[in-house]
C-alpha atoms as a PDB file:
ATOM      1  CA  MET A   1      64.070 -14.101  16.027  1.00  0.00           C
ATOM      2  CA  PRO A   2      64.657 -10.367  15.538  1.00  0.00           C
ATOM      3  CA  LEU A   3      65.117  -8.364  18.735  1.00  0.00           C
ATOM      4  CA  ASN A   4      62.000  -6.302  18.002  1.00  0.00           C
ATOM      5  CA  LEU A   5      59.879  -9.464  18.500  1.00  0.00           C
ATOM      6  CA  ALA A   6      61.572 -10.468  21.765  1.00  0.00           C
ATOM      7  CA  ASP A   7      59.830 -10.280  25.138  1.00  0.00           C
ATOM      8  CA  ILE A   8      60.657  -7.597  27.693  1.00  0.00           C
ATOM      9  CA  ASN A   9      62.856  -8.657  30.670  1.00  0.00           C
ATOM     10  CA  THR A  10      63.730 -12.016  29.101  1.00  0.00           C
ATOM     11  CA  PRO A  11      67.395 -12.982  28.653  1.00  0.00           C
ATOM     12  CA  TYR A  12      68.531 -13.479  25.060  1.00  0.00           C
ATOM     13  CA  ILE A  13      71.857 -14.174  23.379  1.00  0.00           C
ATOM     14  CA  ILE A  14      72.753 -12.281  20.198  1.00  0.00           C
ATOM     15  CA  GLN A  15      73.167 -14.793  17.379  1.00  0.00           C
ATOM     16  CA  LYS A  16      73.749 -12.541  14.368  1.00  0.00           C
ATOM     17  CA  ILE A  17      73.884  -8.899  13.301  1.00  0.00           C
ATOM     18  CA  CYS A  18      72.342  -8.222   9.879  1.00  0.00           C
ATOM     19  CA  GLY A  19      72.363  -5.138   7.655  1.00  0.00           C
ATOM     20  CA  ASN A  20      74.985  -3.442   5.553  1.00  0.00           C
ATOM     21  CA  GLU A  21      78.566  -2.953   6.734  1.00  0.00           C
ATOM     22  CA  ASP A  22      77.945   0.515   8.200  1.00  0.00           C
ATOM     23  CA  GLN A  23      74.859  -0.649  10.119  1.00  0.00           C
ATOM     24  CA  ARG A  24      76.670  -3.698  11.505  1.00  0.00           C
ATOM     25  CA  HIS A  25      79.651  -1.576  12.533  1.00  0.00           C
ATOM     26  CA  HIS A  26      77.342   0.939  14.271  1.00  0.00           C
ATOM     27  CA  LEU A  27      75.552  -1.802  16.223  1.00  0.00           C
ATOM     28  CA  GLU A  28      78.844  -3.463  17.160  1.00  0.00           C
ATOM     29  CA  SER A  29      80.192  -0.132  18.433  1.00  0.00           C
ATOM     30  CA  LEU A  30      77.129   0.072  20.710  1.00  0.00           C
ATOM     31  CA  GLY A  31      77.971  -3.376  22.124  1.00  0.00           C
ATOM     32  CA  PHE A  32      75.712  -5.592  20.012  1.00  0.00           C
ATOM     33  CA  VAL A  33      78.165  -8.417  19.318  1.00  0.00           C
ATOM     34  CA  GLU A  34      77.441 -12.097  18.599  1.00  0.00           C
ATOM     35  CA  GLY A  35      77.370 -14.180  21.773  1.00  0.00           C
ATOM     36  CA  THR A  36      76.562 -11.229  24.038  1.00  0.00           C
ATOM     37  CA  PRO A  37      73.563 -11.373  26.421  1.00  0.00           C
ATOM     38  CA  ALA A  38      70.849  -8.763  25.787  1.00  0.00           C
ATOM     39  CA  TYR A  39      67.625  -7.817  27.600  1.00  0.00           C
ATOM     40  CA  ILE A  40      64.881  -5.489  26.421  1.00  0.00           C
ATOM     41  CA  LEU A  41      64.117  -3.228  29.371  1.00  0.00           C
ATOM     42  CA  SER A  42      61.290  -1.298  27.719  1.00  0.00           C
ATOM     43  CA  SER A  43      59.623  -0.656  24.401  1.00  0.00           C
ATOM     44  CA  PHE A  44      57.582   2.363  23.327  1.00  0.00           C
ATOM     45  CA  PHE A  45      56.523   3.857  19.978  1.00  0.00           C
ATOM     46  CA  GLY A  46      58.968   1.767  17.946  1.00  0.00           C
ATOM     47  CA  TYR A  47      61.967   2.420  20.207  1.00  0.00           C
ATOM     48  CA  TYR A  48      63.677  -0.061  22.502  1.00  0.00           C
ATOM     49  CA  VAL A  49      65.836   0.356  25.593  1.00  0.00           C
ATOM     50  CA  VAL A  50      68.197  -2.620  25.728  1.00  0.00           C
ATOM     51  CA  ARG A  51      70.598  -3.693  28.470  1.00  0.00           C
ATOM     52  CA  ILE A  52      73.817  -4.773  26.808  1.00  0.00           C
ATOM     53  CA  LYS A  53      77.235  -5.171  28.488  1.00  0.00           C
ATOM     54  CA  ASP A  54      76.161  -3.378  31.702  1.00  0.00           C
ATOM     55  CA  SER A  55      74.874  -0.390  29.696  1.00  0.00           C
ATOM     56  CA  LYS A  56      71.461   0.795  28.588  1.00  0.00           C
ATOM     57  CA  VAL A  57      71.214   1.557  24.867  1.00  0.00           C
ATOM     58  CA  GLY A  58      68.276   3.035  22.986  1.00  0.00           C
ATOM     59  CA  ILE A  59      67.661   1.840  19.427  1.00  0.00           C
ATOM     60  CA  ASP A  60      64.829   2.185  16.948  1.00  0.00           C
ATOM     61  CA  LYS A  61      62.731  -0.573  15.418  1.00  0.00           C
ATOM     62  CA  ASP A  62      64.746  -0.679  12.181  1.00  0.00           C
ATOM     63  CA  LEU A  63      67.978  -1.398  14.073  1.00  0.00           C
ATOM     64  CA  ALA A  64      66.236  -3.864  16.398  1.00  0.00           C
ATOM     65  CA  LYS A  65      65.115  -5.878  13.353  1.00  0.00           C
ATOM     66  CA  MET A  66      68.762  -6.366  12.367  1.00  0.00           C
ATOM     67  CA  ILE A  67      69.695  -8.029  15.663  1.00  0.00           C
ATOM     68  CA  ILE A  68      68.898 -11.744  15.664  1.00  0.00           C
ATOM     69  CA  VAL A  69      68.595 -13.264  19.145  1.00  0.00           C
ATOM     70  CA  GLN A  70      67.893 -16.622  20.734  1.00  0.00           C
ATOM     71  CA  ALA A  71      66.363 -17.250  24.152  1.00  0.00           C
ATOM     72  CA  ASN A  72      68.973 -18.017  26.773  1.00  0.00           C
END
């Protein structure tokens, strides 16, 4: 499922990063890499705060839709 449909404070594993090459590279530089655990800490007005690799990263809904996750 896309990250934007995931539940808050539930552990997920990133399965795939979609989008064009620039979008994928941007997300990977933020730490969104296949096989990495991710948790949504909060969601408000189409923006998401995600815990990834011991960091908190803010992304918008369009980027969150490109991150495919699976429940851990």
